[in-house]
Amino acid sequence: AEVKAGDWFGEISLLTGYAATATVRATSPIEMAVVDSADLRGVIGLVPSVGEQLLDKVLIRLHARDSAQLRPRERLLTRITGAARRRAASVGFGRPAPDSLRARQLESAFPDLLELPVAAAEALADLGVPDLPETSGSDGIRLVPPNRNSLPEGDAWFLPRHRLAEALGRSPHLLHLLARHLGPERDSPDAEAQI
């Protein structure tokens, strides 16, 4: 593929944690800006529509690639650190518990939320809905927990498209979790994510 002025690359790895699948080579002199995840969250906190645009682009690129190439390959230290953070948060150490019962249920269903600020679970709880038959076919992101029986209502959680910018504005950290649920590991090959 060839990118043109104003395009970006590396967003799949940045947002999802999947291993980079491409090598980039400049064919002419270029100017490039490098953005790390903390800076990106800052931008999305100020301009949530940037997060929506990134999720749209990631969805297109993920569906255009062979899903066998897109698997998380995190370094051992990253996996150990993440597991330690999730465990510490699950027992109430180092991070306050969310105020709402629904946010606590979402943290239980989606352990990755325990690595994010409490505002991420609260935003999902306030702006998302249980994924019930009436949400089928709606635009948004369907979040399927690793254990399908971990949510009290239904087997998934749904964040409608019209609430995506507000959710990212309340917690830019949500971008990482949402991007992972756009990828090939969502729940089944026949499920199509739409945003």
N, C-alpha and C. Protein backbone atom coordinates (compact mmCIF):
# COMPACT_ATOMS: atom_id res chain seq x y z
N ALA A 1 0.84 -1.18 0.00
CA ALA A 1 0.00 0.00 0.00
C ALA A 1 0.88 1.23 0.00
N GLU A 2 0.36 2.28 -0.55
CA GLU A 2 1.08 3.54 -0.56
C GLU A 2 0.26 4.57 0.20
N VAL A 3 0.89 5.30 1.10
CA VAL A 3 0.19 6.35 1.84
C VAL A 3 0.57 7.70 1.25
N LYS A 4 -0.31 8.65 1.44
CA LYS A 4 -0.06 10.00 0.89
C LYS A 4 0.02 10.99 2.05
N ALA A 5 0.32 12.21 1.73
CA ALA A 5 0.44 13.26 2.74
C ALA A 5 -0.82 13.31 3.60
N GLY A 6 -0.63 13.36 4.90
CA GLY A 6 -1.76 13.43 5.83
C GLY A 6 -2.23 12.08 6.32
N ASP A 7 -1.79 10.98 5.69
CA ASP A 7 -2.17 9.65 6.15
C ASP A 7 -1.34 9.26 7.37
N TRP A 8 -1.76 8.21 8.01
CA TRP A 8 -1.01 7.72 9.16
C TRP A 8 -0.85 6.22 9.05
N PHE A 9 0.05 5.69 9.86
CA PHE A 9 0.27 4.25 9.92
C PHE A 9 0.67 3.90 11.34
N GLY A 10 0.54 2.63 11.69
CA GLY A 10 0.90 2.17 13.02
C GLY A 10 -0.23 2.27 14.03
N GLU A 11 -1.41 2.73 13.58
CA GLU A 11 -2.50 2.92 14.54
C GLU A 11 -3.07 1.61 15.06
N ILE A 12 -3.03 0.55 14.29
CA ILE A 12 -3.57 -0.72 14.77
C ILE A 12 -2.76 -1.21 15.96
N SER A 13 -1.45 -1.18 15.81
CA SER A 13 -0.59 -1.59 16.92
C SER A 13 -0.75 -0.66 18.12
N LEU A 14 -0.80 0.64 17.88
CA LEU A 14 -0.94 1.63 18.95
C LEU A 14 -2.24 1.45 19.72
N LEU A 15 -3.34 1.22 19.00
CA LEU A 15 -4.65 1.16 19.64
C LEU A 15 -5.00 -0.20 20.21
N THR A 16 -4.58 -1.27 19.54
CA THR A 16 -5.02 -2.60 19.96
C THR A 16 -3.98 -3.38 20.73
N GLY A 17 -2.71 -3.06 20.54
CA GLY A 17 -1.66 -3.85 21.15
C GLY A 17 -1.25 -5.03 20.27
N TYR A 18 -1.90 -5.20 19.11
CA TYR A 18 -1.49 -6.26 18.19
C TYR A 18 -0.10 -5.93 17.67
N ALA A 19 0.64 -6.97 17.34
CA ALA A 19 1.98 -6.76 16.80
C ALA A 19 1.89 -6.03 15.46
N ALA A 20 2.88 -5.20 15.18
CA ALA A 20 2.91 -4.51 13.90
C ALA A 20 3.02 -5.54 12.78
N THR A 21 2.27 -5.31 11.70
CA THR A 21 2.24 -6.29 10.61
C THR A 21 2.87 -5.75 9.34
N ALA A 22 3.39 -4.55 9.37
CA ALA A 22 3.94 -3.98 8.14
C ALA A 22 5.24 -3.26 8.44
N THR A 23 6.03 -3.11 7.40
CA THR A 23 7.24 -2.31 7.44
C THR A 23 6.99 -1.10 6.56
N VAL A 24 7.43 0.06 7.01
CA VAL A 24 7.19 1.29 6.27
C VAL A 24 8.53 1.80 5.74
N ARG A 25 8.52 2.21 4.48
CA ARG A 25 9.73 2.74 3.85
C ARG A 25 9.35 4.00 3.08
N ALA A 26 10.09 5.07 3.31
CA ALA A 26 9.84 6.32 2.60
C ALA A 26 10.47 6.25 1.21
N THR A 27 9.72 6.67 0.21
CA THR A 27 10.24 6.70 -1.16
C THR A 27 10.69 8.10 -1.56
N SER A 28 10.46 9.06 -0.66
CA SER A 28 10.89 10.44 -0.89
C SER A 28 11.07 11.08 0.49
N PRO A 29 11.71 12.25 0.54
CA PRO A 29 11.87 12.92 1.83
C PRO A 29 10.50 13.22 2.46
N ILE A 30 10.38 12.99 3.76
CA ILE A 30 9.10 13.21 4.44
C ILE A 30 9.32 13.92 5.77
N GLU A 31 8.25 14.49 6.28
CA GLU A 31 8.20 14.97 7.64
C GLU A 31 7.17 14.11 8.34
N MET A 32 7.49 13.66 9.53
CA MET A 32 6.61 12.74 10.21
C MET A 32 6.49 13.14 11.68
N ALA A 33 5.32 12.96 12.22
CA ALA A 33 5.10 13.18 13.65
C ALA A 33 4.85 11.83 14.30
N VAL A 34 5.46 11.61 15.43
CA VAL A 34 5.28 10.37 16.17
C VAL A 34 4.41 10.69 17.39
N VAL A 35 3.36 9.91 17.56
CA VAL A 35 2.43 10.12 18.66
C VAL A 35 2.41 8.87 19.52
N ASP A 36 2.63 9.03 20.82
CA ASP A 36 2.52 7.86 21.70
C ASP A 36 1.10 7.80 22.27
N SER A 37 0.80 6.70 22.95
CA SER A 37 -0.58 6.49 23.40
C SER A 37 -1.04 7.55 24.40
N ALA A 38 -0.16 8.03 25.26
CA ALA A 38 -0.56 9.06 26.23
C ALA A 38 -0.94 10.37 25.52
N ASP A 39 -0.13 10.76 24.53
CA ASP A 39 -0.45 11.98 23.77
C ASP A 39 -1.76 11.81 23.00
N LEU A 40 -1.95 10.62 22.43
CA LEU A 40 -3.17 10.36 21.66
C LEU A 40 -4.40 10.46 22.56
N ARG A 41 -4.32 9.91 23.76
CA ARG A 41 -5.46 10.01 24.69
C ARG A 41 -5.75 11.47 25.02
N GLY A 42 -4.69 12.27 25.17
CA GLY A 42 -4.89 13.70 25.44
C GLY A 42 -5.64 14.40 24.32
N VAL A 43 -5.26 14.09 23.08
CA VAL A 43 -5.94 14.69 21.93
C VAL A 43 -7.40 14.24 21.89
N ILE A 44 -7.63 12.95 22.12
CA ILE A 44 -9.00 12.43 22.05
C ILE A 44 -9.86 12.99 23.18
N GLY A 45 -9.25 13.24 24.33
CA GLY A 45 -9.99 13.87 25.42
C GLY A 45 -10.48 15.26 25.04
N LEU A 46 -9.69 15.97 24.24
CA LEU A 46 -10.06 17.31 23.80
C LEU A 46 -10.97 17.29 22.57
N VAL A 47 -10.71 16.34 21.66
CA VAL A 47 -11.46 16.25 20.40
C VAL A 47 -11.87 14.79 20.18
N PRO A 48 -12.96 14.34 20.81
CA PRO A 48 -13.36 12.93 20.71
C PRO A 48 -13.61 12.44 19.30
N SER A 49 -13.94 13.33 18.37
CA SER A 49 -14.17 12.89 16.99
C SER A 49 -12.91 12.30 16.36
N VAL A 50 -11.73 12.68 16.85
CA VAL A 50 -10.49 12.08 16.36
C VAL A 50 -10.49 10.58 16.69
N GLY A 51 -10.96 10.22 17.87
CA GLY A 51 -11.06 8.82 18.25
C GLY A 51 -12.02 8.06 17.36
N GLU A 52 -13.15 8.69 17.03
CA GLU A 52 -14.11 8.05 16.12
C GLU A 52 -13.48 7.79 14.76
N GLN A 53 -12.75 8.78 14.24
CA GLN A 53 -12.11 8.62 12.93
C GLN A 53 -11.08 7.49 12.96
N LEU A 54 -10.32 7.42 14.05
CA LEU A 54 -9.33 6.35 14.17
C LEU A 54 -10.00 4.98 14.21
N LEU A 55 -11.08 4.87 14.98
CA LEU A 55 -11.79 3.59 15.05
C LEU A 55 -12.35 3.20 13.69
N ASP A 56 -12.88 4.16 12.94
CA ASP A 56 -13.37 3.88 11.59
C ASP A 56 -12.25 3.32 10.71
N LYS A 57 -11.09 3.98 10.76
CA LYS A 57 -9.95 3.56 9.93
C LYS A 57 -9.43 2.19 10.35
N VAL A 58 -9.37 1.96 11.66
CA VAL A 58 -8.91 0.66 12.15
C VAL A 58 -9.86 -0.44 11.70
N LEU A 59 -11.15 -0.19 11.77
CA LEU A 59 -12.13 -1.19 11.34
C LEU A 59 -11.92 -1.55 9.87
N ILE A 60 -11.73 -0.56 9.03
CA ILE A 60 -11.51 -0.81 7.61
C ILE A 60 -10.23 -1.62 7.40
N ARG A 61 -9.17 -1.23 8.07
CA ARG A 61 -7.89 -1.93 7.88
C ARG A 61 -7.92 -3.34 8.45
N LEU A 62 -8.58 -3.53 9.59
CA LEU A 62 -8.65 -4.87 10.17
C LEU A 62 -9.42 -5.82 9.26
N HIS A 63 -10.49 -5.35 8.67
CA HIS A 63 -11.29 -6.21 7.80
C HIS A 63 -10.59 -6.47 6.46
N ALA A 64 -9.63 -5.63 6.10
CA ALA A 64 -8.93 -5.81 4.84
C ALA A 64 -7.75 -6.78 4.98
N ARG A 65 -7.39 -7.13 6.19
CA ARG A 65 -6.23 -7.98 6.41
C ARG A 65 -6.63 -9.38 6.79
N ASP A 66 -5.69 -10.27 6.67
CA ASP A 66 -5.89 -11.65 7.08
C ASP A 66 -5.92 -11.67 8.61
N SER A 67 -7.02 -12.13 9.17
CA SER A 67 -7.16 -12.10 10.62
C SER A 67 -6.13 -12.97 11.34
N ALA A 68 -5.56 -13.94 10.65
CA ALA A 68 -4.54 -14.78 11.29
C ALA A 68 -3.28 -13.98 11.61
N GLN A 69 -3.04 -12.88 10.88
CA GLN A 69 -1.87 -12.05 11.15
C GLN A 69 -2.08 -11.15 12.35
N LEU A 70 -3.33 -10.93 12.73
CA LEU A 70 -3.63 -9.93 13.76
C LEU A 70 -3.97 -10.59 15.08
N ARG A 71 -2.99 -10.93 15.82
CA ARG A 71 -3.17 -11.50 17.13
C ARG A 71 -2.31 -10.72 18.11
N PRO A 72 -2.79 -10.51 19.34
CA PRO A 72 -1.95 -9.79 20.29
C PRO A 72 -0.66 -10.54 20.56
N ARG A 73 0.44 -9.84 20.43
CA ARG A 73 1.74 -10.41 20.78
C ARG A 73 2.44 -9.43 21.70
N GLU A 74 1.96 -9.38 22.90
CA GLU A 74 2.53 -8.43 23.84
C GLU A 74 3.76 -9.05 24.49
N ARG A 75 4.68 -8.22 24.84
CA ARG A 75 5.87 -8.69 25.52
C ARG A 75 5.51 -9.29 26.87
N LEU A 76 6.33 -10.20 27.32
CA LEU A 76 6.08 -10.89 28.59
C LEU A 76 5.94 -9.88 29.73
N LEU A 77 6.81 -8.88 29.79
CA LEU A 77 6.73 -7.88 30.85
C LEU A 77 5.39 -7.14 30.81
N THR A 78 4.90 -6.81 29.61
CA THR A 78 3.61 -6.12 29.47
C THR A 78 2.48 -7.01 29.99
N ARG A 79 2.51 -8.29 29.66
CA ARG A 79 1.47 -9.21 30.12
C ARG A 79 1.51 -9.36 31.64
N ILE A 80 2.69 -9.47 32.20
CA ILE A 80 2.82 -9.63 33.65
C ILE A 80 2.35 -8.36 34.36
N THR A 81 2.77 -7.20 33.86
CA THR A 81 2.35 -5.93 34.46
C THR A 81 0.84 -5.77 34.39
N GLY A 82 0.25 -6.06 33.24
CA GLY A 82 -1.20 -5.96 33.08
C GLY A 82 -1.93 -6.89 34.02
N ALA A 83 -1.45 -8.12 34.14
CA ALA A 83 -2.08 -9.09 35.04
C ALA A 83 -1.99 -8.60 36.49
N ALA A 84 -0.85 -8.04 36.87
CA ALA A 84 -0.69 -7.53 38.23
C ALA A 84 -1.63 -6.35 38.48
N ARG A 85 -1.77 -5.44 37.51
CA ARG A 85 -2.68 -4.31 37.67
C ARG A 85 -4.13 -4.77 37.81
N ARG A 86 -4.52 -5.73 36.94
CA ARG A 86 -5.90 -6.24 37.01
C ARG A 86 -6.16 -6.90 38.35
N ARG A 87 -5.22 -7.69 38.83
CA ARG A 87 -5.39 -8.39 40.11
C ARG A 87 -5.47 -7.39 41.26
N ALA A 88 -4.56 -6.41 41.27
CA ALA A 88 -4.57 -5.41 42.33
C ALA A 88 -5.88 -4.63 42.33
N ALA A 89 -6.35 -4.24 41.14
CA ALA A 89 -7.60 -3.48 41.05
C ALA A 89 -8.79 -4.33 41.46
N SER A 90 -8.77 -5.61 41.14
CA SER A 90 -9.91 -6.47 41.47
C SER A 90 -10.08 -6.65 42.98
N VAL A 91 -9.01 -6.49 43.73
CA VAL A 91 -9.12 -6.59 45.20
C VAL A 91 -9.14 -5.21 45.85
N GLY A 92 -9.24 -4.16 45.03
CA GLY A 92 -9.41 -2.81 45.57
C GLY A 92 -8.13 -2.10 45.95
N PHE A 93 -7.00 -2.53 45.42
CA PHE A 93 -5.73 -1.90 45.77
C PHE A 93 -5.26 -0.99 44.64
N GLY A 94 -4.92 0.25 44.94
CA GLY A 94 -4.31 1.14 43.98
C GLY A 94 -5.27 1.88 43.07
N ARG A 95 -6.55 1.65 43.22
CA ARG A 95 -7.50 2.28 42.32
C ARG A 95 -8.87 2.20 42.97
N PRO A 96 -9.62 3.30 42.98
CA PRO A 96 -10.95 3.24 43.61
C PRO A 96 -11.91 2.40 42.76
N ALA A 97 -12.90 1.85 43.41
CA ALA A 97 -13.94 1.10 42.69
C ALA A 97 -14.92 2.08 42.08
N PRO A 98 -15.53 1.71 40.97
CA PRO A 98 -16.55 2.59 40.38
C PRO A 98 -17.72 2.78 41.33
N ASP A 99 -18.43 3.90 41.18
CA ASP A 99 -19.58 4.18 42.03
C ASP A 99 -20.78 3.30 41.71
N SER A 100 -21.00 3.02 40.43
CA SER A 100 -22.22 2.32 40.06
C SER A 100 -22.02 0.79 40.02
N LEU A 101 -23.08 0.08 40.34
CA LEU A 101 -23.07 -1.38 40.29
C LEU A 101 -22.81 -1.86 38.86
N ARG A 102 -23.45 -1.21 37.89
CA ARG A 102 -23.28 -1.63 36.50
C ARG A 102 -21.81 -1.49 36.07
N ALA A 103 -21.14 -0.41 36.46
CA ALA A 103 -19.72 -0.24 36.11
C ALA A 103 -18.88 -1.34 36.76
N ARG A 104 -19.19 -1.72 37.98
CA ARG A 104 -18.46 -2.81 38.63
C ARG A 104 -18.72 -4.13 37.91
N GLN A 105 -19.94 -4.35 37.43
CA GLN A 105 -20.26 -5.55 36.66
C GLN A 105 -19.48 -5.57 35.34
N LEU A 106 -19.37 -4.41 34.71
CA LEU A 106 -18.61 -4.33 33.45
C LEU A 106 -17.13 -4.61 33.69
N GLU A 107 -16.59 -4.12 34.79
CA GLU A 107 -15.18 -4.41 35.11
C GLU A 107 -14.98 -5.90 35.34
N SER A 108 -15.95 -6.53 35.96
CA SER A 108 -15.87 -7.97 36.19
C SER A 108 -15.94 -8.73 34.86
N ALA A 109 -16.80 -8.28 33.96
CA ALA A 109 -16.97 -8.94 32.67
C ALA A 109 -15.79 -8.67 31.73
N PHE A 110 -15.22 -7.47 31.79
CA PHE A 110 -14.12 -7.07 30.92
C PHE A 110 -12.91 -6.72 31.78
N PRO A 111 -12.08 -7.70 32.14
CA PRO A 111 -10.94 -7.44 33.03
C PRO A 111 -9.99 -6.35 32.53
N ASP A 112 -9.93 -6.12 31.20
CA ASP A 112 -9.07 -5.05 30.69
C ASP A 112 -9.47 -3.68 31.23
N LEU A 113 -10.73 -3.52 31.62
CA LEU A 113 -11.18 -2.24 32.20
C LEU A 113 -10.46 -1.94 33.51
N LEU A 114 -10.01 -2.97 34.20
CA LEU A 114 -9.32 -2.77 35.48
C LEU A 114 -7.97 -2.08 35.31
N GLU A 115 -7.44 -2.11 34.09
CA GLU A 115 -6.18 -1.42 33.82
C GLU A 115 -6.38 0.04 33.43
N LEU A 116 -7.64 0.42 33.21
CA LEU A 116 -7.97 1.78 32.79
C LEU A 116 -8.50 2.58 33.98
N PRO A 117 -8.53 3.90 33.88
CA PRO A 117 -9.13 4.69 34.95
C PRO A 117 -10.60 4.31 35.16
N VAL A 118 -11.10 4.52 36.36
CA VAL A 118 -12.49 4.19 36.71
C VAL A 118 -13.47 4.87 35.75
N ALA A 119 -13.12 6.04 35.24
CA ALA A 119 -14.02 6.76 34.33
C ALA A 119 -14.36 5.95 33.09
N ALA A 120 -13.49 5.03 32.68
CA ALA A 120 -13.78 4.21 31.50
C ALA A 120 -14.97 3.29 31.77
N ALA A 121 -14.96 2.60 32.88
CA ALA A 121 -16.09 1.71 33.22
C ALA A 121 -17.36 2.51 33.45
N GLU A 122 -17.23 3.68 34.10
CA GLU A 122 -18.40 4.51 34.35
C GLU A 122 -19.00 5.02 33.03
N ALA A 123 -18.16 5.42 32.08
CA ALA A 123 -18.66 5.90 30.79
C ALA A 123 -19.38 4.78 30.04
N LEU A 124 -18.81 3.58 30.04
CA LEU A 124 -19.47 2.45 29.38
C LEU A 124 -20.80 2.12 30.06
N ALA A 125 -20.81 2.18 31.39
CA ALA A 125 -22.04 1.87 32.12
C ALA A 125 -23.12 2.90 31.84
N ASP A 126 -22.75 4.17 31.79
CA ASP A 126 -23.73 5.24 31.59
C ASP A 126 -24.21 5.35 30.14
N LEU A 127 -23.33 5.09 29.18
CA LEU A 127 -23.65 5.38 27.78
C LEU A 127 -23.94 4.13 26.95
N GLY A 128 -23.55 2.98 27.45
CA GLY A 128 -23.82 1.74 26.72
C GLY A 128 -25.11 1.10 27.21
N VAL A 129 -25.49 0.03 26.53
CA VAL A 129 -26.71 -0.70 26.86
C VAL A 129 -26.44 -2.20 26.72
N PRO A 130 -27.23 -3.03 27.40
CA PRO A 130 -27.08 -4.47 27.16
C PRO A 130 -27.35 -4.76 25.68
N ASP A 131 -26.61 -5.68 25.12
CA ASP A 131 -26.77 -6.04 23.71
C ASP A 131 -27.93 -7.02 23.59
N LEU A 132 -29.10 -6.48 23.39
CA LEU A 132 -30.32 -7.27 23.29
C LEU A 132 -30.80 -7.27 21.84
N PRO A 133 -31.78 -8.11 21.49
CA PRO A 133 -32.24 -8.18 20.09
C PRO A 133 -32.59 -6.83 19.47
N GLU A 134 -33.11 -5.89 20.25
CA GLU A 134 -33.49 -4.59 19.67
C GLU A 134 -32.28 -3.75 19.25
N THR A 135 -31.07 -4.07 19.75
CA THR A 135 -29.88 -3.34 19.31
C THR A 135 -29.24 -3.99 18.10
N SER A 136 -29.69 -5.17 17.74
CA SER A 136 -29.15 -5.88 16.58
C SER A 136 -29.32 -5.04 15.32
N GLY A 137 -28.25 -4.90 14.58
CA GLY A 137 -28.30 -4.11 13.35
C GLY A 137 -28.07 -2.63 13.57
N SER A 138 -27.98 -2.17 14.81
CA SER A 138 -27.71 -0.76 15.09
C SER A 138 -26.24 -0.46 14.89
N ASP A 139 -25.93 0.81 14.60
CA ASP A 139 -24.54 1.22 14.48
C ASP A 139 -23.94 1.39 15.87
N GLY A 140 -22.77 0.81 16.05
CA GLY A 140 -22.08 0.93 17.32
C GLY A 140 -21.05 -0.16 17.46
N ILE A 141 -20.56 -0.34 18.66
CA ILE A 141 -19.55 -1.35 18.94
C ILE A 141 -20.11 -2.35 19.94
N ARG A 142 -20.06 -3.60 19.56
CA ARG A 142 -20.53 -4.70 20.41
C ARG A 142 -19.32 -5.25 21.15
N LEU A 143 -19.38 -5.22 22.48
CA LEU A 143 -18.30 -5.71 23.33
C LEU A 143 -18.71 -7.06 23.90
N VAL A 144 -17.97 -8.10 23.55
CA VAL A 144 -18.28 -9.45 24.03
C VAL A 144 -17.24 -9.83 25.07
N PRO A 145 -17.67 -10.12 26.31
CA PRO A 145 -16.70 -10.47 27.35
C PRO A 145 -16.11 -11.86 27.11
N PRO A 146 -14.93 -12.13 27.67
CA PRO A 146 -14.31 -13.44 27.53
C PRO A 146 -15.22 -14.56 28.06
N ASN A 147 -15.92 -14.29 29.15
CA ASN A 147 -16.86 -15.25 29.71
C ASN A 147 -18.27 -14.74 29.43
N ARG A 148 -18.95 -15.39 28.53
CA ARG A 148 -20.27 -14.90 28.07
C ARG A 148 -21.31 -14.82 29.18
N ASN A 149 -21.15 -15.53 30.26
CA ASN A 149 -22.14 -15.52 31.34
C ASN A 149 -21.82 -14.48 32.41
N SER A 150 -20.89 -13.57 32.13
CA SER A 150 -20.46 -12.63 33.16
C SER A 150 -21.30 -11.36 33.24
N LEU A 151 -22.18 -11.14 32.28
CA LEU A 151 -23.06 -9.97 32.33
C LEU A 151 -24.46 -10.42 32.75
N PRO A 152 -25.10 -9.66 33.64
CA PRO A 152 -26.43 -10.07 34.11
C PRO A 152 -27.50 -10.06 33.03
N GLU A 153 -27.37 -9.18 32.04
CA GLU A 153 -28.36 -9.09 30.96
C GLU A 153 -27.66 -9.34 29.64
N GLY A 154 -28.01 -10.40 28.96
CA GLY A 154 -27.43 -10.69 27.66
C GLY A 154 -26.01 -11.19 27.76
N ASP A 155 -25.41 -11.43 26.59
CA ASP A 155 -24.04 -11.95 26.58
C ASP A 155 -23.04 -10.95 26.04
N ALA A 156 -23.47 -9.69 25.85
CA ALA A 156 -22.56 -8.66 25.35
C ALA A 156 -23.06 -7.28 25.79
N TRP A 157 -22.22 -6.28 25.58
CA TRP A 157 -22.54 -4.89 25.90
C TRP A 157 -22.42 -4.10 24.61
N PHE A 158 -23.27 -3.11 24.42
CA PHE A 158 -23.32 -2.37 23.17
C PHE A 158 -23.15 -0.88 23.43
N LEU A 159 -22.21 -0.26 22.72
CA LEU A 159 -22.02 1.19 22.80
C LEU A 159 -22.49 1.78 21.47
N PRO A 160 -23.65 2.47 21.47
CA PRO A 160 -24.19 3.03 20.21
C PRO A 160 -23.26 4.09 19.61
N ARG A 161 -23.27 4.17 18.31
CA ARG A 161 -22.43 5.13 17.58
C ARG A 161 -22.68 6.57 18.03
N HIS A 162 -23.93 6.93 18.26
CA HIS A 162 -24.22 8.32 18.63
C HIS A 162 -23.72 8.68 20.03
N ARG A 163 -23.27 7.69 20.79
CA ARG A 163 -22.71 7.96 22.12
C ARG A 163 -21.20 7.77 22.17
N LEU A 164 -20.60 7.37 21.05
CA LEU A 164 -19.17 7.07 21.02
C LEU A 164 -18.32 8.29 21.36
N ALA A 165 -18.59 9.42 20.75
CA ALA A 165 -17.78 10.63 21.01
C ALA A 165 -17.89 11.04 22.47
N GLU A 166 -19.08 10.96 23.04
CA GLU A 166 -19.24 11.32 24.44
C GLU A 166 -18.46 10.37 25.34
N ALA A 167 -18.49 9.07 25.02
CA ALA A 167 -17.75 8.09 25.82
C ALA A 167 -16.25 8.36 25.74
N LEU A 168 -15.73 8.65 24.55
CA LEU A 168 -14.30 8.94 24.39
C LEU A 168 -13.93 10.26 25.06
N GLY A 169 -14.85 11.22 25.05
CA GLY A 169 -14.61 12.49 25.73
C GLY A 169 -14.52 12.31 27.24
N ARG A 170 -15.34 11.43 27.78
CA ARG A 170 -15.32 11.17 29.22
C ARG A 170 -14.13 10.32 29.64
N SER A 171 -13.70 9.41 28.76
CA SER A 171 -12.55 8.58 29.06
C SER A 171 -11.82 8.19 27.78
N PRO A 172 -10.83 8.98 27.37
CA PRO A 172 -10.07 8.66 26.16
C PRO A 172 -9.40 7.28 26.23
N HIS A 173 -9.18 6.77 27.43
CA HIS A 173 -8.57 5.45 27.60
C HIS A 173 -9.43 4.34 27.00
N LEU A 174 -10.72 4.60 26.84
CA LEU A 174 -11.63 3.61 26.25
C LEU A 174 -11.23 3.23 24.83
N LEU A 175 -10.51 4.10 24.15
CA LEU A 175 -10.15 3.85 22.76
C LEU A 175 -9.46 2.49 22.60
N HIS A 176 -8.56 2.17 23.51
CA HIS A 176 -7.81 0.91 23.44
C HIS A 176 -8.77 -0.29 23.52
N LEU A 177 -9.66 -0.28 24.50
CA LEU A 177 -10.61 -1.38 24.66
C LEU A 177 -11.53 -1.50 23.45
N LEU A 178 -12.05 -0.38 22.98
CA LEU A 178 -12.97 -0.39 21.83
C LEU A 178 -12.27 -0.87 20.57
N ALA A 179 -11.03 -0.44 20.34
CA ALA A 179 -10.30 -0.87 19.15
C ALA A 179 -10.08 -2.37 19.15
N ARG A 180 -9.80 -2.93 20.28
CA ARG A 180 -9.61 -4.39 20.35
C ARG A 180 -10.88 -5.14 20.01
N HIS A 181 -12.02 -4.55 20.31
CA HIS A 181 -13.28 -5.24 20.02
C HIS A 181 -13.71 -5.06 18.56
N LEU A 182 -12.99 -4.27 17.80
CA LEU A 182 -13.25 -4.17 16.37
C LEU A 182 -12.54 -5.29 15.62
N GLY A 183 -11.52 -5.85 16.24
CA GLY A 183 -10.65 -6.80 15.56
C GLY A 183 -11.22 -8.19 15.42
N PRO A 184 -10.43 -9.09 14.85
CA PRO A 184 -10.89 -10.43 14.52
C PRO A 184 -11.18 -11.30 15.73
N GLU A 185 -10.78 -10.88 16.92
CA GLU A 185 -10.99 -11.72 18.08
C GLU A 185 -12.27 -11.41 18.82
N ARG A 186 -13.14 -10.59 18.24
CA ARG A 186 -14.35 -10.16 18.94
C ARG A 186 -15.10 -11.34 19.54
N ASP A 187 -15.83 -12.07 18.77
CA ASP A 187 -16.53 -13.22 19.33
C ASP A 187 -16.66 -14.34 18.33
N SER A 188 -17.10 -14.07 17.15
CA SER A 188 -17.19 -15.13 16.16
C SER A 188 -16.96 -14.53 14.79
N PRO A 189 -16.51 -15.35 13.84
CA PRO A 189 -16.18 -14.82 12.52
C PRO A 189 -17.38 -14.21 11.81
N ASP A 190 -18.60 -14.63 12.15
CA ASP A 190 -19.75 -14.10 11.43
C ASP A 190 -20.28 -12.80 12.03
N ALA A 191 -19.72 -12.36 13.16
CA ALA A 191 -20.16 -11.10 13.77
C ALA A 191 -19.42 -9.94 13.10
N GLU A 192 -20.15 -8.97 12.63
CA GLU A 192 -19.57 -7.82 11.98
C GLU A 192 -19.67 -6.60 12.87
N ALA A 193 -18.56 -5.98 13.16
CA ALA A 193 -18.59 -4.74 13.92
C ALA A 193 -18.94 -3.61 12.98
N GLN A 194 -19.77 -2.71 13.45
CA GLN A 194 -20.10 -1.53 12.68
C GLN A 194 -19.95 -0.33 13.59
N ILE A 195 -19.39 0.72 13.05
CA ILE A 195 -19.39 1.96 13.82
C ILE A 195 -19.79 3.09 12.91
